[in-house]
PDB file of N, CA and C in Angstrom:
ATOM      1  N   MET A   1     -14.654 -71.581  53.493  1.00  0.00           N
ATOM      2  CA  MET A   1     -14.322 -72.113  54.422  1.00  0.00           C
ATOM      3  C   MET A   1     -15.471 -71.988  55.103  1.00  0.00           C
ATOM      4  N   ASN A   2     -16.345 -72.777  55.846  1.00  0.00           N
ATOM      5  CA  ASN A   2     -17.040 -72.958  57.071  1.00  0.00           C
ATOM      6  C   ASN A   2     -17.086 -72.453  58.270  1.00  0.00           C
ATOM      7  N   ALA A   3     -17.336 -72.395  59.435  1.00  0.00           N
ATOM      8  CA  ALA A   3     -17.045 -72.358  60.811  1.00  0.00           C
ATOM      9  C   ALA A   3     -18.331 -72.890  60.989  1.00  0.00           C
ATOM     10  N   ARG A   4     -17.858 -73.465  62.559  1.00  0.00           N
ATOM     11  CA  ARG A   4     -19.087 -74.245  63.588  1.00  0.00           C
ATOM     12  C   ARG A   4     -19.303 -73.853  64.410  1.00  0.00           C
ATOM     13  N   THR A   5     -20.636 -73.166  64.938  1.00  0.00           N
ATOM     14  CA  THR A   5     -20.784 -72.890  66.126  1.00  0.00           C
ATOM     15  C   THR A   5     -21.828 -72.890  66.295  1.00  0.00           C
ATOM     16  N   ALA A   6     -22.353 -72.606  68.158  1.00  0.00           N
ATOM     17  CA  ALA A   6     -23.621 -73.198  68.127  1.00  0.00           C
ATOM     18  C   ALA A   6     -24.633 -71.769  68.909  1.00  0.00           C
ATOM     19  N   ILE A   7     -25.338 -71.518  69.160  1.00  0.00           N
ATOM     20  CA  ILE A   7     -25.453 -70.574  69.577  1.00  0.00           C
ATOM     21  C   ILE A   7     -27.016 -71.077  70.015  1.00  0.00           C
ATOM     22  N   SER A   8     -27.521 -69.729  70.747  1.00  0.00           N
ATOM     23  CA  SER A   8     -29.318 -70.073  71.385  1.00  0.00           C
ATOM     24  C   SER A   8     -30.081 -69.223  70.428  1.00  0.00           C
ATOM     25  N   VAL A   9     -30.783 -68.762  70.548  1.00  0.00           N
ATOM     26  CA  VAL A   9     -32.012 -68.495  70.303  1.00  0.00           C
ATOM     27  C   VAL A   9     -32.987 -68.291  70.779  1.00  0.00           C
ATOM     28  N   PRO A  10     -34.623 -67.879  70.634  1.00  0.00           N
ATOM     29  CA  PRO A  10     -35.347 -67.809  70.897  1.00  0.00           C
ATOM     30  C   PRO A  10     -36.753 -68.577  70.033  1.00  0.00           C
ATOM     31  N   GLN A  11     -37.414 -69.866  70.727  1.00  0.00           N
ATOM     32  CA  GLN A  11     -37.820 -70.366  69.764  1.00  0.00           C
ATOM     33  C   GLN A  11     -39.158 -70.314  68.694  1.00  0.00           C
ATOM     34  N   ASP A  12     -39.198 -68.445  68.857  1.00  0.00           N
ATOM     35  CA  ASP A  12     -40.164 -68.623  67.642  1.00  0.00           C
ATOM     36  C   ASP A  12     -38.504 -67.750  66.194  1.00  0.00           C
ATOM     37  N   VAL A  13     -38.040 -67.573  66.863  1.00  0.00           N
ATOM     38  CA  VAL A  13     -36.411 -67.178  66.511  1.00  0.00           C
ATOM     39  C   VAL A  13     -36.146 -68.445  64.662  1.00  0.00           C
ATOM     40  N   LEU A  14     -36.099 -69.428  66.696  1.00  0.00           N
ATOM     41  CA  LEU A  14     -35.352 -70.406  65.808  1.00  0.00           C
ATOM     42  C   LEU A  14     -36.952 -71.134  64.310  1.00  0.00           C
ATOM     43  N   LYS A  15     -38.499 -70.949  64.884  1.00  0.00           N
ATOM     44  CA  LYS A  15     -39.326 -71.580  64.426  1.00  0.00           C
ATOM     45  C   LYS A  15     -39.021 -70.819  62.879  1.00  0.00           C
ATOM     46  N   LEU A  16     -39.073 -69.047  63.233  1.00  0.00           N
ATOM     47  CA  LEU A  16     -38.744 -68.546  61.493  1.00  0.00           C
ATOM     48  C   LEU A  16     -37.911 -69.027  60.780  1.00  0.00           C
ATOM     49  N   SER A  17     -36.748 -69.000  61.326  1.00  0.00           N
ATOM     50  CA  SER A  17     -35.976 -69.713  60.760  1.00  0.00           C
ATOM     51  C   SER A  17     -36.174 -71.542  59.744  1.00  0.00           C
ATOM     52  N   GLU A  18     -36.700 -71.814  60.638  1.00  0.00           N
ATOM     53  CA  GLU A  18     -37.360 -73.401  59.922  1.00  0.00           C
ATOM     54  C   GLU A  18     -38.017 -72.682  58.651  1.00  0.00           C
ATOM     55  N   ARG A  19     -39.237 -71.367  59.123  1.00  0.00           N
ATOM     56  CA  ARG A  19     -40.084 -71.283  58.320  1.00  0.00           C
ATOM     57  C   ARG A  19     -38.858 -70.523  56.638  1.00  0.00           C
ATOM     58  N   LEU A  20     -38.068 -70.020  56.995  1.00  0.00           N
ATOM     59  CA  LEU A  20     -37.860 -68.813  56.083  1.00  0.00           C
ATOM     60  C   LEU A  20     -36.748 -70.754  55.511  1.00  0.00           C
ATOM     61  N   ALA A  21     -36.261 -71.282  55.827  1.00  0.00           N
ATOM     62  CA  ALA A  21     -35.258 -72.003  55.052  1.00  0.00           C
ATOM     63  C   ALA A  21     -36.425 -73.493  53.999  1.00  0.00           C
ATOM     64  N   LYS A  22     -37.223 -73.555  54.561  1.00  0.00           N
ATOM     65  CA  LYS A  22     -38.054 -73.863  53.479  1.00  0.00           C
ATOM     66  C   LYS A  22     -38.727 -72.548  52.523  1.00  0.00           C
ATOM     67  N   LYS A  23     -39.046 -71.835  53.172  1.00  0.00           N
ATOM     68  CA  LYS A  23     -39.887 -71.483  51.778  1.00  0.00           C
ATOM     69  C   LYS A  23     -38.624 -71.187  50.963  1.00  0.00           C
ATOM     70  N   LEU A  24     -37.173 -70.948  51.248  1.00  0.00           N
ATOM     71  CA  LEU A  24     -35.656 -70.384  50.610  1.00  0.00           C
ATOM     72  C   LEU A  24     -35.356 -71.484  50.417  1.00  0.00           C
ATOM     73  N   LYS A  25     -35.562 -73.019  50.475  1.00  0.00           N
ATOM     74  CA  LYS A  25     -34.957 -73.887  50.368  1.00  0.00           C
ATOM     75  C   LYS A  25     -33.398 -73.667  50.605  1.00  0.00           C
ATOM     76  N   LEU A  26     -33.440 -73.223  51.712  1.00  0.00           N
ATOM     77  CA  LEU A  26     -32.248 -73.056  52.091  1.00  0.00           C
ATOM     78  C   LEU A  26     -31.612 -73.959  53.568  1.00  0.00           C
ATOM     79  N   SER A  27     -30.657 -73.777  54.115  1.00  0.00           N
ATOM     80  CA  SER A  27     -30.345 -74.492  55.183  1.00  0.00           C
ATOM     81  C   SER A  27     -30.219 -73.560  56.324  1.00  0.00           C
ATOM     82  N   ARG A  28     -30.947 -74.343  57.997  1.00  0.00           N
ATOM     83  CA  ARG A  28     -30.931 -72.868  58.885  1.00  0.00           C
ATOM     84  C   ARG A  28     -29.922 -72.149  58.344  1.00  0.00           C
ATOM     85  N   SER A  29     -28.747 -73.106  58.485  1.00  0.00           N
ATOM     86  CA  SER A  29     -27.042 -72.656  59.062  1.00  0.00           C
ATOM     87  C   SER A  29     -27.412 -70.962  57.487  1.00  0.00           C
ATOM     88  N   ALA A  30     -27.405 -71.754  56.344  1.00  0.00           N
ATOM     89  CA  ALA A  30     -27.876 -70.420  55.595  1.00  0.00           C
ATOM     90  C   ALA A  30     -28.646 -69.229  55.865  1.00  0.00           C
ATOM     91  N   VAL A  31     -29.760 -69.154  56.013  1.00  0.00           N
ATOM     92  CA  VAL A  31     -30.633 -68.032  56.463  1.00  0.00           C
ATOM     93  C   VAL A  31     -30.467 -67.430  58.052  1.00  0.00           C
ATOM     94  N   PHE A  32     -29.786 -68.572  58.977  1.00  0.00           N
ATOM     95  CA  PHE A  32     -28.842 -67.258  59.708  1.00  0.00           C
ATOM     96  C   PHE A  32     -27.535 -66.332  58.936  1.00  0.00           C
ATOM     97  N   ALA A  33     -26.658 -67.025  58.535  1.00  0.00           N
ATOM     98  CA  ALA A  33     -26.050 -66.047  57.764  1.00  0.00           C
ATOM     99  C   ALA A  33     -26.142 -64.799  57.541  1.00  0.00           C
ATOM    100  N   ARG A  34     -27.630 -65.732  56.200  1.00  0.00           N
ATOM    101  CA  ARG A  34     -27.627 -64.204  55.567  1.00  0.00           C
ATOM    102  C   ARG A  34     -27.918 -63.315  56.422  1.00  0.00           C
ATOM    103  N   ALA A  35     -29.114 -63.881  57.201  1.00  0.00           N
ATOM    104  CA  ALA A  35     -28.843 -61.875  58.212  1.00  0.00           C
ATOM    105  C   ALA A  35     -28.197 -61.343  58.593  1.00  0.00           C
ATOM    106  N   VAL A  36     -27.490 -62.597  59.341  1.00  0.00           N
ATOM    107  CA  VAL A  36     -26.360 -61.295  59.883  1.00  0.00           C
ATOM    108  C   VAL A  36     -25.248 -61.100  58.535  1.00  0.00           C
ATOM    109  N   LYS A  37     -25.330 -61.230  57.852  1.00  0.00           N
ATOM    110  CA  LYS A  37     -24.293 -60.476  56.809  1.00  0.00           C
ATOM    111  C   LYS A  37     -25.684 -59.432  56.295  1.00  0.00           C
ATOM    112  N   ARG A  38     -26.680 -59.332  55.785  1.00  0.00           N
ATOM    113  CA  ARG A  38     -27.575 -58.712  55.637  1.00  0.00           C
ATOM    114  C   ARG A  38     -27.115 -57.577  56.707  1.00  0.00           C
ATOM    115  N   LEU A  39     -27.904 -57.512  58.197  1.00  0.00           N
ATOM    116  CA  LEU A  39     -27.436 -57.391  59.154  1.00  0.00           C
ATOM    117  C   LEU A  39     -26.060 -56.094  59.302  1.00  0.00           C
ATOM    118  N   GLY A  40     -25.091 -56.551  59.363  1.00  0.00           N
ATOM    119  CA  GLY A  40     -24.179 -56.108  58.788  1.00  0.00           C
ATOM    120  C   GLY A  40     -23.654 -55.212  58.100  1.00  0.00           C
ATOM    121  N   GLU A  41     -23.649 -55.282  56.851  1.00  0.00           N
ATOM    122  CA  GLU A  41     -24.356 -54.346  55.606  1.00  0.00           C
ATOM    123  C   GLU A  41     -25.178 -52.921  55.898  1.00  0.00           C
ATOM    124  N   GLU A  42     -26.542 -53.464  56.725  1.00  0.00           N
ATOM    125  CA  GLU A  42     -27.561 -52.741  57.432  1.00  0.00           C
ATOM    126  C   GLU A  42     -26.258 -51.877  58.341  1.00  0.00           C
ATOM    127  N   TYR A  43     -25.623 -52.595  58.908  1.00  0.00           N
ATOM    128  CA  TYR A  43     -25.033 -51.114  60.017  1.00  0.00           C
ATOM    129  C   TYR A  43     -24.455 -49.823  59.119  1.00  0.00           C
ATOM    130  N   ASP A  44     -23.363 -51.208  58.145  1.00  0.00           N
ATOM    131  CA  ASP A  44     -22.363 -50.299  57.591  1.00  0.00           C
ATOM    132  C   ASP A  44     -22.708 -49.305  57.858  1.00  0.00           C
ATOM    133  N   GLU A  45     -23.767 -49.257  56.335  1.00  0.00           N
ATOM    134  CA  GLU A  45     -25.293 -48.096  55.728  1.00  0.00           C
ATOM    135  C   GLU A  45     -25.180 -47.206  57.033  1.00  0.00           C
ATOM    136  N   GLN A  46     -25.890 -47.573  58.223  1.00  0.00           N
ATOM    137  CA  GLN A  46     -26.056 -46.361  59.249  1.00  0.00           C
ATOM    138  C   GLN A  46     -24.558 -45.326  59.434  1.00  0.00           C
ATOM    139  N   GLU A  47     -23.772 -46.148  59.712  1.00  0.00           N
ATOM    140  CA  GLU A  47     -22.760 -45.748  60.699  1.00  0.00           C
ATOM    141  C   GLU A  47     -22.159 -45.123  59.275  1.00  0.00           C
ATOM    142  N   PHE A  48     -21.925 -45.211  57.871  1.00  0.00           N
ATOM    143  CA  PHE A  48     -21.269 -44.655  57.048  1.00  0.00           C
ATOM    144  C   PHE A  48     -23.164 -43.090  56.876  1.00  0.00           C
ATOM    145  N   ILE A  49     -23.631 -43.329  56.539  1.00  0.00           N
ATOM    146  CA  ILE A  49     -24.318 -42.022  56.877  1.00  0.00           C
ATOM    147  C   ILE A  49     -24.363 -41.268  57.711  1.00  0.00           C
ATOM    148  N   ALA A  50     -24.151 -42.100  58.863  1.00  0.00           N
ATOM    149  CA  ALA A  50     -23.741 -40.985  60.091  1.00  0.00           C
ATOM    150  C   ALA A  50     -22.374 -39.671  60.099  1.00  0.00           C
ATOM    151  N   ARG A  51     -21.733 -40.623  59.384  1.00  0.00           N
ATOM    152  CA  ARG A  51     -20.360 -39.788  58.798  1.00  0.00           C
ATOM    153  C   ARG A  51     -20.645 -39.511  57.746  1.00  0.00           C
ATOM    154  N   VAL A  52     -21.737 -39.223  56.990  1.00  0.00           N
ATOM    155  CA  VAL A  52     -21.593 -38.281  56.306  1.00  0.00           C
ATOM    156  C   VAL A  52     -22.539 -36.809  57.175  1.00  0.00           C
ATOM    157  N   ASN A  53     -23.268 -37.872  58.219  1.00  0.00           N
ATOM    158  CA  ASN A  53     -24.557 -36.256  58.940  1.00  0.00           C
ATOM    159  C   ASN A  53     -23.029 -35.208  59.245  1.00  0.00           C
ATOM    160  N   ALA A  54     -21.995 -36.798  59.731  1.00  0.00           N
ATOM    161  CA  ALA A  54     -21.384 -35.710  61.037  1.00  0.00           C
ATOM    162  C   ALA A  54     -20.552 -34.258  59.880  1.00  0.00           C
ATOM    163  N   VAL A  55     -19.876 -34.785  58.647  1.00  0.00           N
ATOM    164  CA  VAL A  55     -19.394 -34.535  58.089  1.00  0.00           C
ATOM    165  C   VAL A  55     -20.340 -32.832  57.687  1.00  0.00           C
ATOM    166  N   CYS A  56     -21.572 -32.608  57.727  1.00  0.00           N
ATOM    167  CA  CYS A  56     -22.006 -31.870  57.243  1.00  0.00           C
ATOM    168  C   CYS A  56     -22.942 -31.073  58.131  1.00  0.00           C
ATOM    169  N   ALA A  57     -23.030 -31.760  58.885  1.00  0.00           N
ATOM    170  CA  ALA A  57     -23.231 -30.479  60.380  1.00  0.00           C
ATOM    171  C   ALA A  57     -21.972 -29.496  60.651  1.00  0.00           C
ATOM    172  N   GLU A  58     -20.174 -29.590  60.200  1.00  0.00           N
ATOM    173  CA  GLU A  58     -19.676 -29.382  59.906  1.00  0.00           C
ATOM    174  C   GLU A  58     -19.484 -28.413  59.096  1.00  0.00           C
ATOM    175  N   VAL A  59     -20.674 -28.722  57.831  1.00  0.00           N
ATOM    176  CA  VAL A  59     -19.343 -27.693  56.470  1.00  0.00           C
ATOM    177  C   VAL A  59     -21.088 -27.188  55.482  1.00  0.00           C
ATOM    178  N   ASP A  60     -20.479 -26.575  55.189  1.00  0.00           N
ATOM    179  CA  ASP A  60     -22.055 -24.948  54.765  1.00  0.00           C
ATOM    180  C   ASP A  60     -22.222 -26.179  53.637  1.00  0.00           C
ATOM    181  N   THR A  61     -23.480 -26.576  53.526  1.00  0.00           N
ATOM    182  CA  THR A  61     -24.256 -27.544  52.531  1.00  0.00           C
ATOM    183  C   THR A  61     -24.964 -26.928  51.377  1.00  0.00           C
ATOM    184  N   SER A  62     -25.094 -26.038  51.433  1.00  0.00           N
ATOM    185  CA  SER A  62     -26.462 -25.069  51.096  1.00  0.00           C
ATOM    186  C   SER A  62     -26.015 -24.759  49.969  1.00  0.00           C
ATOM    187  N   VAL A  63     -26.894 -24.804  48.766  1.00  0.00           N
ATOM    188  CA  VAL A  63     -25.905 -24.580  47.568  1.00  0.00           C
ATOM    189  C   VAL A  63     -26.409 -22.802  47.391  1.00  0.00           C
ATOM    190  N   ASP A  64     -25.220 -22.613  46.573  1.00  0.00           N
ATOM    191  CA  ASP A  64     -24.769 -21.194  46.409  1.00  0.00           C
ATOM    192  C   ASP A  64     -25.562 -20.573  45.436  1.00  0.00           C
ATOM    193  N   PRO A  65     -25.551 -19.378  45.964  1.00  0.00           N
ATOM    194  CA  PRO A  65     -26.537 -18.320  45.158  1.00  0.00           C
ATOM    195  C   PRO A  65     -26.534 -18.388  44.105  1.00  0.00           C
ATOM    196  N   LEU A  66     -25.639 -18.382  43.480  1.00  0.00           N
ATOM    197  CA  LEU A  66     -25.706 -18.462  42.660  1.00  0.00           C
ATOM    198  C   LEU A  66     -26.094 -19.278  41.639  1.00  0.00           C
ATOM    199  N   MET A  67     -25.774 -20.846  41.978  1.00  0.00           N
ATOM    200  CA  MET A  67     -26.226 -21.607  40.888  1.00  0.00           C
ATOM    201  C   MET A  67     -27.576 -22.105  41.641  1.00  0.00           C
ATOM    202  N   LYS A  68     -28.795 -20.810  42.522  1.00  0.00           N
ATOM    203  CA  LYS A  68     -29.659 -21.055  42.841  1.00  0.00           C
ATOM    204  C   LYS A  68     -30.158 -20.091  41.730  1.00  0.00           C
ATOM    205  N   THR A  69     -29.899 -19.245  41.220  1.00  0.00           N
ATOM    206  CA  THR A  69     -30.076 -18.671  40.149  1.00  0.00           C
ATOM    207  C   THR A  69     -29.828 -18.801  38.029  1.00  0.00           C
ATOM    208  N   TYR A  70     -28.995 -20.090  38.702  1.00  0.00           N
ATOM    209  CA  TYR A  70     -28.743 -20.428  37.596  1.00  0.00           C
ATOM    210  C   TYR A  70     -29.851 -21.617  37.225  1.00  0.00           C
ATOM    211  N   GLN A  71     -29.554 -22.082  38.303  1.00  0.00           N
ATOM    212  CA  GLN A  71     -30.501 -23.064  37.960  1.00  0.00           C
ATOM    213  C   GLN A  71     -32.443 -22.850  37.619  1.00  0.00           C
ATOM    214  N   ARG A  72     -32.797 -21.922  38.277  1.00  0.00           N
ATOM    215  CA  ARG A  72     -33.708 -21.802  37.815  1.00  0.00           C
ATOM    216  C   ARG A  72     -34.332 -20.692  36.406  1.00  0.00           C
ATOM    217  N   GLU A  73     -33.370 -19.834  36.055  1.00  0.00           N
ATOM    218  CA  GLU A  73     -33.697 -19.249  34.858  1.00  0.00           C
ATOM    219  C   GLU A  73     -33.423 -20.754  33.551  1.00  0.00           C
ATOM    220  N   ARG A  74     -32.597 -21.676  34.304  1.00  0.00           N
ATOM    221  CA  ARG A  74     -32.172 -22.827  33.096  1.00  0.00           C
ATOM    222  C   ARG A  74     -33.567 -23.877  33.391  1.00  0.00           C
ATOM    223  N   LEU A  75     -34.447 -23.622  34.221  1.00  0.00           N
ATOM    224  CA  LEU A  75     -35.457 -24.284  34.872  1.00  0.00           C
ATOM    225  C   LEU A  75     -36.949 -23.319  33.585  1.00  0.00           C
ATOM    226  N   ARG A  76     -36.848 -22.039  33.724  1.00  0.00           N
ATOM    227  CA  ARG A  76     -37.499 -21.402  33.549  1.00  0.00           C
ATOM    228  C   ARG A  76     -38.087 -21.634  32.085  1.00  0.00           C
ATOM    229  N   LYS A  77     -36.475 -21.477  31.035  1.00  0.00           N
ATOM    230  CA  LYS A  77     -36.544 -21.365  29.502  1.00  0.00           C
ATOM    231  C   LYS A  77     -37.335 -23.543  29.359  1.00  0.00           C
ATOM    232  N   ASN A  78     -37.245 -23.984  30.402  1.00  0.00           N
ATOM    233  CA  ASN A  78     -37.588 -25.569  29.593  1.00  0.00           C
ATOM    234  C   ASN A  78     -39.074 -26.094  30.119  1.00  0.00           C
ATOM    235  N   GLU A  79     -39.558 -24.648  30.543  1.00  0.00           N
ATOM    236  CA  GLU A  79     -41.105 -25.138  30.322  1.00  0.00           C
ATOM    237  C   GLU A  79     -41.221 -24.162  29.391  1.00  0.00           C
TER     238      GLU A  79
END
């Protein structure tokens, strides 16, 4: 279900939306809808990364010394 709304945008944004709509063969509304959806996805991703980084700041994320030794030995065997 679509909802109608009226928004005010700068003239250059309106012109850009018209060019994109023509190039992508979409309506201006579809261009704005895609843009908002993409911005929301990017924001959600940035928020997720920030939460992961916050956890990493509190938890020791360094590689276990035994694992380092094991990996080094495996790499030598593969060379």
